[in-house]
N, C-alpha and C. Protein backbone atom coordinates (compact mmCIF):
# COMPACT_ATOMS: atom_id res chain seq x y z
N SER A 1 0.83 -1.19 -0.01
CA SER A 1 0.01 0.02 0.01
C SER A 1 0.90 1.21 0.03
N ILE A 2 0.40 2.26 -0.59
CA ILE A 2 1.04 3.58 -0.62
C ILE A 2 0.62 4.39 0.59
N GLU A 3 1.63 4.86 1.35
CA GLU A 3 1.37 5.63 2.59
C GLU A 3 1.55 7.14 2.39
N GLY A 4 2.41 7.52 1.48
CA GLY A 4 2.69 8.97 1.24
C GLY A 4 3.37 9.17 -0.07
N VAL A 5 3.19 10.40 -0.59
CA VAL A 5 3.90 10.82 -1.81
C VAL A 5 4.25 12.30 -1.69
N CYS A 6 5.37 12.67 -2.30
CA CYS A 6 5.80 14.05 -2.23
C CYS A 6 6.70 14.36 -3.39
N TRP A 7 6.71 15.63 -3.83
CA TRP A 7 7.60 16.13 -4.89
C TRP A 7 8.63 17.07 -4.28
N GLY A 8 9.86 16.99 -4.77
CA GLY A 8 10.90 17.90 -4.34
C GLY A 8 12.22 17.50 -4.88
N GLY A 9 13.09 18.50 -5.07
CA GLY A 9 14.41 18.21 -5.54
C GLY A 9 14.48 17.52 -6.92
N GLY A 10 13.49 17.77 -7.71
CA GLY A 10 13.51 17.19 -9.07
C GLY A 10 12.93 15.76 -9.18
N ALA A 11 12.27 15.23 -8.14
CA ALA A 11 11.76 13.89 -8.18
C ALA A 11 10.51 13.74 -7.31
N TRP A 12 9.69 12.74 -7.70
CA TRP A 12 8.60 12.31 -6.93
C TRP A 12 9.11 11.13 -6.08
N ILE A 13 8.74 11.06 -4.78
CA ILE A 13 9.07 9.92 -3.94
C ILE A 13 7.75 9.41 -3.34
N VAL A 14 7.57 8.09 -3.41
CA VAL A 14 6.44 7.41 -2.84
C VAL A 14 6.96 6.53 -1.66
N ALA A 15 6.35 6.71 -0.47
CA ALA A 15 6.61 5.80 0.64
C ALA A 15 5.54 4.73 0.63
N ALA A 16 5.95 3.49 0.61
CA ALA A 16 5.00 2.38 0.47
C ALA A 16 5.41 1.23 1.40
N TYR A 17 4.51 0.27 1.50
CA TYR A 17 4.75 -0.88 2.38
C TYR A 17 6.00 -1.63 1.97
N ASP A 18 6.35 -1.60 0.69
CA ASP A 18 7.52 -2.36 0.25
C ASP A 18 8.79 -1.54 0.03
N GLY A 19 8.73 -0.21 0.39
CA GLY A 19 9.93 0.62 0.28
C GLY A 19 9.66 2.00 -0.27
N LEU A 20 10.69 2.59 -0.86
CA LEU A 20 10.58 3.89 -1.43
C LEU A 20 10.77 3.83 -2.95
N TRP A 21 9.85 4.49 -3.62
CA TRP A 21 9.83 4.49 -5.09
C TRP A 21 10.08 5.91 -5.60
N ARG A 22 10.77 6.02 -6.76
CA ARG A 22 11.18 7.33 -7.32
C ARG A 22 10.76 7.44 -8.77
N SER A 23 10.29 8.68 -9.14
CA SER A 23 10.00 8.96 -10.51
C SER A 23 10.44 10.43 -10.84
N VAL A 24 11.02 10.59 -11.98
CA VAL A 24 11.36 11.95 -12.41
C VAL A 24 10.49 12.34 -13.61
N THR A 25 9.66 11.41 -14.05
CA THR A 25 8.83 11.69 -15.25
C THR A 25 7.41 12.06 -14.84
N GLY A 26 7.15 12.17 -13.58
CA GLY A 26 5.82 12.58 -13.13
C GLY A 26 4.96 11.44 -12.66
N LEU A 27 3.83 11.79 -12.14
CA LEU A 27 2.97 10.76 -11.50
C LEU A 27 2.44 9.73 -12.53
N ALA A 28 2.36 10.12 -13.81
CA ALA A 28 1.90 9.18 -14.83
C ALA A 28 3.07 8.45 -15.48
N GLY A 29 4.30 8.70 -15.04
CA GLY A 29 5.47 8.13 -15.67
C GLY A 29 5.89 6.83 -15.05
N SER A 30 7.15 6.47 -15.24
CA SER A 30 7.66 5.23 -14.70
C SER A 30 8.23 5.40 -13.31
N TRP A 31 8.23 4.29 -12.53
CA TRP A 31 8.71 4.34 -11.16
C TRP A 31 9.82 3.32 -10.96
N THR A 32 10.78 3.65 -10.13
CA THR A 32 11.89 2.77 -9.80
C THR A 32 11.93 2.57 -8.31
N LEU A 33 11.99 1.32 -7.83
CA LEU A 33 12.17 1.04 -6.42
C LEU A 33 13.62 1.39 -6.08
N VAL A 34 13.82 2.41 -5.25
CA VAL A 34 15.19 2.87 -4.93
C VAL A 34 15.61 2.37 -3.52
N LEU A 35 14.65 1.93 -2.69
CA LEU A 35 15.00 1.38 -1.41
C LEU A 35 14.00 0.28 -1.05
N SER A 36 14.45 -0.93 -1.01
CA SER A 36 13.55 -2.06 -0.70
C SER A 36 13.64 -2.35 0.81
N VAL A 37 12.62 -1.85 1.51
CA VAL A 37 12.54 -2.07 2.94
C VAL A 37 11.05 -2.02 3.31
N SER A 38 10.65 -2.82 4.25
CA SER A 38 9.22 -2.86 4.63
C SER A 38 8.76 -1.71 5.48
N ASN A 39 7.51 -1.37 5.33
CA ASN A 39 6.80 -0.47 6.24
C ASN A 39 7.32 0.97 6.25
N MET A 40 7.35 1.63 5.10
CA MET A 40 7.68 3.04 5.02
C MET A 40 6.39 3.85 5.18
N TRP A 41 6.41 4.89 5.94
CA TRP A 41 5.17 5.67 6.22
C TRP A 41 5.09 7.01 5.51
N SER A 42 6.23 7.71 5.33
CA SER A 42 6.11 9.05 4.77
C SER A 42 7.46 9.38 4.08
N ALA A 43 7.36 10.33 3.12
CA ALA A 43 8.56 10.91 2.49
C ALA A 43 8.27 12.38 2.35
N ARG A 44 9.24 13.18 2.76
CA ARG A 44 9.11 14.64 2.69
C ARG A 44 10.39 15.22 2.15
N PHE A 45 10.26 16.30 1.37
CA PHE A 45 11.46 17.08 0.92
C PHE A 45 11.54 18.29 1.86
N LEU A 46 12.56 18.26 2.73
CA LEU A 46 12.69 19.20 3.84
C LEU A 46 14.08 19.88 3.83
N ASN A 47 14.12 21.14 3.75
CA ASN A 47 15.36 21.90 3.88
C ASN A 47 16.46 21.42 2.94
N GLY A 48 16.05 21.10 1.70
CA GLY A 48 16.98 20.64 0.66
C GLY A 48 17.31 19.17 0.65
N ALA A 49 16.75 18.37 1.52
CA ALA A 49 17.00 16.93 1.56
C ALA A 49 15.75 16.11 1.67
N TRP A 50 15.80 14.89 1.17
CA TRP A 50 14.66 14.01 1.31
C TRP A 50 14.79 13.31 2.70
N VAL A 51 13.69 13.15 3.37
CA VAL A 51 13.61 12.45 4.65
C VAL A 51 12.44 11.53 4.60
N ALA A 52 12.67 10.23 4.85
CA ALA A 52 11.60 9.23 4.81
C ALA A 52 11.56 8.53 6.16
N THR A 53 10.36 8.19 6.56
CA THR A 53 10.13 7.53 7.86
C THR A 53 9.46 6.20 7.67
N GLY A 54 9.72 5.34 8.64
CA GLY A 54 9.10 3.98 8.59
C GLY A 54 9.20 3.28 9.92
N ARG A 55 9.16 1.96 9.88
CA ARG A 55 9.18 1.14 11.11
C ARG A 55 10.54 1.28 11.76
N ASN A 56 10.58 2.02 12.84
CA ASN A 56 11.79 2.27 13.70
C ASN A 56 12.99 2.78 12.85
N VAL A 57 12.70 3.61 11.83
CA VAL A 57 13.77 4.06 10.99
C VAL A 57 13.49 5.42 10.35
N ILE A 58 14.56 6.16 10.09
CA ILE A 58 14.52 7.32 9.29
C ILE A 58 15.62 7.20 8.23
N TYR A 59 15.28 7.48 6.99
CA TYR A 59 16.28 7.48 5.90
C TYR A 59 16.38 8.89 5.35
N THR A 60 17.59 9.26 4.87
CA THR A 60 17.80 10.53 4.22
C THR A 60 18.43 10.40 2.92
N SER A 61 18.17 11.32 2.03
CA SER A 61 18.81 11.36 0.67
C SER A 61 19.08 12.78 0.29
N THR A 62 20.26 13.02 -0.24
CA THR A 62 20.68 14.38 -0.65
C THR A 62 20.96 14.36 -2.18
N ASP A 63 20.64 13.29 -2.88
CA ASP A 63 20.88 13.25 -4.31
C ASP A 63 19.58 12.98 -5.12
N ALA A 64 18.57 13.76 -4.80
CA ALA A 64 17.26 13.65 -5.46
C ALA A 64 16.60 12.27 -5.29
N GLY A 65 16.89 11.66 -4.23
CA GLY A 65 16.20 10.39 -3.91
C GLY A 65 16.76 9.15 -4.58
N VAL A 66 18.00 9.24 -5.18
CA VAL A 66 18.61 8.13 -5.90
C VAL A 66 19.14 7.10 -4.85
N THR A 67 19.90 7.61 -3.88
CA THR A 67 20.38 6.77 -2.81
C THR A 67 19.91 7.24 -1.49
N TRP A 68 19.83 6.27 -0.51
CA TRP A 68 19.29 6.61 0.80
C TRP A 68 20.21 6.09 1.91
N GLU A 69 20.35 6.86 2.94
CA GLU A 69 21.20 6.49 4.07
C GLU A 69 20.32 6.32 5.31
N ARG A 70 20.47 5.21 5.98
CA ARG A 70 19.72 4.93 7.24
C ARG A 70 20.27 5.71 8.40
N VAL A 71 19.41 6.39 9.13
CA VAL A 71 19.81 7.12 10.29
C VAL A 71 19.57 6.23 11.51
N VAL A 72 20.57 6.05 12.33
CA VAL A 72 20.45 5.24 13.54
C VAL A 72 19.81 6.05 14.63
N LEU A 73 18.77 5.53 15.22
CA LEU A 73 17.99 6.25 16.27
C LEU A 73 18.17 5.56 17.60
N VAL A 74 17.90 6.34 18.67
CA VAL A 74 17.79 5.75 20.04
C VAL A 74 16.47 5.01 20.12
N SER A 75 16.24 4.36 21.27
CA SER A 75 14.99 3.64 21.50
C SER A 75 13.75 4.47 21.14
N THR A 76 12.75 3.86 20.62
CA THR A 76 11.55 4.60 20.24
C THR A 76 10.54 4.74 21.36
N ALA A 77 10.89 4.54 22.59
CA ALA A 77 10.06 4.84 23.76
C ALA A 77 8.62 4.27 23.62
N GLY A 78 8.50 3.03 23.19
CA GLY A 78 7.18 2.42 23.17
C GLY A 78 6.56 2.32 21.79
N SER A 79 7.12 2.84 20.77
CA SER A 79 6.54 2.76 19.45
C SER A 79 7.67 2.47 18.43
N THR A 80 7.35 1.62 17.45
CA THR A 80 8.34 1.33 16.43
C THR A 80 8.01 2.07 15.15
N ASP A 81 6.83 2.65 15.01
CA ASP A 81 6.44 3.35 13.74
C ASP A 81 6.73 4.81 13.89
N ILE A 82 7.63 5.25 12.99
CA ILE A 82 7.90 6.71 12.93
C ILE A 82 7.07 7.19 11.79
N PHE A 83 5.96 7.89 12.09
CA PHE A 83 4.96 8.17 11.02
C PHE A 83 5.30 9.36 10.15
N SER A 84 5.93 10.37 10.68
CA SER A 84 6.07 11.61 9.91
C SER A 84 7.21 12.42 10.42
N VAL A 85 7.64 13.34 9.58
CA VAL A 85 8.75 14.26 9.98
C VAL A 85 8.46 15.64 9.38
N ALA A 86 8.87 16.70 10.08
CA ALA A 86 8.74 18.05 9.63
C ALA A 86 9.97 18.84 9.90
N TYR A 87 10.18 19.96 9.23
CA TYR A 87 11.33 20.81 9.44
C TYR A 87 10.89 22.28 9.60
N GLY A 88 11.35 22.93 10.62
CA GLY A 88 11.11 24.34 10.86
C GLY A 88 11.89 24.81 12.03
N ALA A 89 12.04 26.11 12.13
CA ALA A 89 12.75 26.77 13.27
C ALA A 89 14.14 26.15 13.46
N GLY A 90 14.79 25.70 12.34
CA GLY A 90 16.12 25.13 12.38
C GLY A 90 16.20 23.73 12.95
N ARG A 91 15.06 23.02 12.99
CA ARG A 91 15.01 21.72 13.62
C ARG A 91 14.11 20.76 12.83
N TYR A 92 14.52 19.46 12.78
CA TYR A 92 13.66 18.39 12.25
C TYR A 92 12.97 17.76 13.45
N VAL A 93 11.67 17.44 13.32
CA VAL A 93 10.92 16.75 14.36
C VAL A 93 10.16 15.63 13.73
N ALA A 94 10.33 14.41 14.28
CA ALA A 94 9.60 13.23 13.78
C ALA A 94 8.74 12.66 14.88
N CYS A 95 7.56 12.13 14.53
CA CYS A 95 6.62 11.62 15.53
C CYS A 95 6.38 10.16 15.41
N THR A 96 6.22 9.52 16.60
CA THR A 96 5.80 8.14 16.67
C THR A 96 4.53 8.17 17.52
N THR A 97 4.02 7.00 17.87
CA THR A 97 2.81 6.91 18.63
C THR A 97 2.92 7.63 20.01
N ALA A 98 4.09 7.39 20.66
CA ALA A 98 4.23 7.84 22.01
C ALA A 98 5.45 8.74 22.26
N SER A 99 6.12 9.16 21.20
CA SER A 99 7.29 9.98 21.35
C SER A 99 7.60 10.85 20.14
N LEU A 100 8.54 11.79 20.40
CA LEU A 100 8.96 12.64 19.34
C LEU A 100 10.54 12.56 19.30
N TYR A 101 11.06 12.70 18.08
CA TYR A 101 12.50 12.80 17.91
C TYR A 101 12.80 14.19 17.39
N SER A 102 13.90 14.79 17.79
CA SER A 102 14.30 16.06 17.22
C SER A 102 15.79 16.03 16.89
N SER A 103 16.14 16.81 15.80
CA SER A 103 17.52 16.87 15.32
C SER A 103 17.68 18.18 14.67
N ILE A 104 18.94 18.75 14.75
CA ILE A 104 19.25 19.90 14.00
C ILE A 104 20.09 19.60 12.74
N ASP A 105 20.52 18.34 12.61
CA ASP A 105 21.44 17.96 11.51
C ASP A 105 21.05 16.67 10.75
N LEU A 106 19.98 16.06 11.04
CA LEU A 106 19.56 14.75 10.51
C LEU A 106 20.45 13.59 10.91
N LEU A 107 21.45 13.81 11.70
CA LEU A 107 22.40 12.75 12.10
C LEU A 107 22.21 12.38 13.53
N ASN A 108 22.07 13.32 14.42
CA ASN A 108 21.96 13.11 15.88
C ASN A 108 20.54 13.49 16.32
N TRP A 109 19.85 12.48 16.91
CA TRP A 109 18.44 12.61 17.27
C TRP A 109 18.28 12.44 18.76
N THR A 110 17.40 13.26 19.33
CA THR A 110 17.07 13.16 20.75
C THR A 110 15.61 12.75 20.85
N VAL A 111 15.33 11.81 21.74
CA VAL A 111 13.91 11.34 21.89
C VAL A 111 13.32 11.91 23.13
N GLN A 112 12.01 12.26 23.06
CA GLN A 112 11.28 12.68 24.20
C GLN A 112 9.92 11.97 24.23
N SER A 113 9.51 11.50 25.40
CA SER A 113 8.24 10.82 25.49
C SER A 113 7.13 11.90 25.44
N LEU A 114 6.07 11.55 24.73
CA LEU A 114 4.99 12.49 24.63
C LEU A 114 3.64 11.65 24.45
N ALA A 115 2.88 11.55 25.54
CA ALA A 115 1.70 10.71 25.54
C ALA A 115 0.75 11.17 24.44
N GLY A 116 0.11 10.25 23.82
CA GLY A 116 -0.85 10.53 22.75
C GLY A 116 -0.83 9.43 21.74
N SER A 117 -1.38 9.54 20.64
CA SER A 117 -1.24 8.55 19.58
C SER A 117 -0.94 9.38 18.32
N TRP A 118 0.28 9.89 18.25
CA TRP A 118 0.68 10.85 17.20
C TRP A 118 0.85 10.21 15.87
N LYS A 119 0.26 10.85 14.84
CA LYS A 119 0.30 10.28 13.49
C LYS A 119 0.94 11.21 12.43
N ASP A 120 0.95 12.52 12.67
CA ASP A 120 1.46 13.39 11.60
C ASP A 120 1.96 14.69 12.23
N ILE A 121 2.95 15.29 11.57
CA ILE A 121 3.49 16.59 12.00
C ILE A 121 3.86 17.37 10.76
N ILE A 122 3.57 18.65 10.85
CA ILE A 122 3.98 19.63 9.81
C ILE A 122 4.55 20.89 10.42
N PHE A 123 5.19 21.71 9.66
CA PHE A 123 5.61 23.09 10.17
C PHE A 123 4.80 24.04 9.36
N ASP A 124 4.05 24.88 10.07
CA ASP A 124 3.22 25.96 9.44
C ASP A 124 4.08 27.20 9.35
N ASP A 125 4.65 27.46 8.16
CA ASP A 125 5.53 28.62 7.95
C ASP A 125 4.82 29.95 8.27
N ASP A 126 3.54 30.05 7.94
CA ASP A 126 2.86 31.35 8.14
C ASP A 126 2.79 31.74 9.56
N ASN A 127 2.57 30.67 10.46
CA ASN A 127 2.45 30.96 11.92
C ASN A 127 3.66 30.60 12.71
N GLY A 128 4.67 30.01 12.09
CA GLY A 128 5.88 29.63 12.81
C GLY A 128 5.63 28.59 13.83
N LEU A 129 4.84 27.55 13.49
CA LEU A 129 4.49 26.51 14.49
C LEU A 129 4.58 25.12 13.88
N PHE A 130 5.14 24.22 14.69
CA PHE A 130 4.97 22.80 14.39
C PHE A 130 3.54 22.44 14.80
N VAL A 131 2.85 21.65 13.98
CA VAL A 131 1.49 21.22 14.26
C VAL A 131 1.52 19.70 14.30
N LEU A 132 1.16 19.11 15.44
CA LEU A 132 1.19 17.69 15.65
C LEU A 132 -0.21 17.19 15.88
N VAL A 133 -0.59 16.15 15.15
CA VAL A 133 -1.97 15.59 15.23
C VAL A 133 -1.93 14.11 15.48
N GLY A 134 -2.98 13.59 16.10
CA GLY A 134 -3.09 12.20 16.37
C GLY A 134 -4.42 11.83 16.90
N GLY A 135 -4.49 10.56 17.35
CA GLY A 135 -5.75 10.05 17.85
C GLY A 135 -6.10 8.78 17.08
N SER A 136 -6.26 7.69 17.80
CA SER A 136 -6.57 6.42 17.13
C SER A 136 -7.19 5.48 18.20
N GLY A 137 -8.21 4.78 17.78
CA GLY A 137 -8.83 3.80 18.68
C GLY A 137 -9.29 4.43 19.97
N ALA A 138 -8.77 3.97 21.12
CA ALA A 138 -9.15 4.46 22.45
C ALA A 138 -8.58 5.82 22.72
N ASN A 139 -7.59 6.31 21.93
CA ASN A 139 -6.96 7.61 22.17
C ASN A 139 -7.77 8.63 21.42
N PRO A 140 -8.32 9.67 22.16
CA PRO A 140 -9.15 10.67 21.50
C PRO A 140 -8.29 11.54 20.53
N PRO A 141 -8.91 12.21 19.58
CA PRO A 141 -8.21 13.08 18.64
C PRO A 141 -7.46 14.17 19.47
N LYS A 142 -6.29 14.47 18.92
CA LYS A 142 -5.40 15.50 19.59
C LYS A 142 -4.75 16.38 18.58
N ILE A 143 -4.59 17.61 18.96
CA ILE A 143 -3.79 18.59 18.16
C ILE A 143 -2.90 19.31 19.17
N SER A 144 -1.62 19.43 18.87
CA SER A 144 -0.71 20.19 19.72
C SER A 144 0.21 21.04 18.83
N THR A 145 0.70 22.14 19.33
CA THR A 145 1.57 23.06 18.59
C THR A 145 2.82 23.41 19.39
N SER A 146 3.85 23.79 18.63
CA SER A 146 5.08 24.18 19.30
C SER A 146 5.88 25.14 18.35
N PRO A 147 6.37 26.29 18.87
CA PRO A 147 7.17 27.11 17.95
C PRO A 147 8.57 26.57 17.69
N GLU A 148 9.16 25.76 18.62
CA GLU A 148 10.52 25.34 18.48
C GLU A 148 10.61 23.83 18.30
N GLY A 149 9.46 23.09 18.41
CA GLY A 149 9.49 21.63 18.22
C GLY A 149 9.96 20.85 19.42
N LEU A 150 10.00 21.48 20.58
CA LEU A 150 10.43 20.77 21.78
C LEU A 150 9.33 20.67 22.86
N VAL A 151 8.66 21.80 23.10
CA VAL A 151 7.57 21.84 24.08
C VAL A 151 6.29 22.12 23.33
N PHE A 152 5.32 21.16 23.45
CA PHE A 152 4.05 21.26 22.76
C PHE A 152 2.91 21.62 23.67
N THR A 153 2.00 22.42 23.11
CA THR A 153 0.82 22.86 23.84
C THR A 153 -0.41 22.26 23.18
N ALA A 154 -1.29 21.64 24.01
CA ALA A 154 -2.49 21.03 23.52
C ALA A 154 -3.45 22.11 23.00
N ARG A 155 -4.13 21.87 21.87
CA ARG A 155 -5.06 22.74 21.30
C ARG A 155 -6.46 22.07 21.19
N THR A 156 -7.43 22.86 20.92
CA THR A 156 -8.81 22.38 20.80
C THR A 156 -9.01 21.62 19.51
N VAL A 157 -9.63 20.44 19.63
CA VAL A 157 -9.97 19.62 18.46
C VAL A 157 -11.38 20.00 18.05
N PRO A 158 -11.64 20.16 16.73
CA PRO A 158 -12.99 20.50 16.24
C PRO A 158 -14.03 19.47 16.79
N ALA A 159 -15.14 19.97 17.32
CA ALA A 159 -16.20 19.15 17.91
C ALA A 159 -16.69 18.08 16.93
N GLY A 160 -16.95 16.88 17.45
CA GLY A 160 -17.55 15.83 16.61
C GLY A 160 -16.54 15.03 15.82
N HIS A 161 -15.27 15.33 15.96
CA HIS A 161 -14.25 14.57 15.17
C HIS A 161 -13.77 13.35 15.91
N THR A 162 -14.12 12.20 15.40
CA THR A 162 -13.75 10.98 16.09
C THR A 162 -13.11 9.96 15.14
N THR A 163 -12.60 10.40 13.97
CA THR A 163 -11.98 9.47 13.07
C THR A 163 -10.70 8.84 13.64
N SER A 164 -10.38 7.75 13.14
CA SER A 164 -9.24 6.97 13.70
C SER A 164 -7.84 7.43 13.24
N HIS A 165 -7.79 8.37 12.27
CA HIS A 165 -6.47 8.79 11.80
C HIS A 165 -6.55 10.23 11.32
N TYR A 166 -5.69 11.06 11.85
CA TYR A 166 -5.62 12.47 11.42
C TYR A 166 -4.35 12.74 10.69
N ASN A 167 -4.39 13.53 9.68
CA ASN A 167 -3.16 14.04 9.01
C ASN A 167 -3.11 15.50 9.10
N ALA A 168 -1.87 16.03 9.39
CA ALA A 168 -1.69 17.41 9.54
C ALA A 168 -1.81 18.11 8.20
């Protein structure tokens, strides 16, 4: 299954259950499997580099998605799925179900526990905020924001929203 798609740096990258796929001819063109690894969740073009997340892993690419380097992370504090990553305020922030990772260089990552069922994170350039969303099953929908990506403040969720998966 396809979990995410993004354009940047001259290529399309698809994050899928069987790995990362690349196309330079467009969404109707041909695709090449550039990284064969299970359970990839997202691919984003951030700050001039590709960053892809998956099961207990983050990969980076600086050559338009042709080759990928695995980033070694510390323990995932209760979750093995790194669902999404964002860049803003000079920092990368990645989210799992129960924790966040942050890095200023894509090489060294710090983990912090954050209760919730986090599924997606973006950086809102207009407001200068990381926006973190989640909620699944027994965990109610949640939205939190942070200007620096380290300390998050809970925000109000629109009334009546009970879906099992939120995307930022």
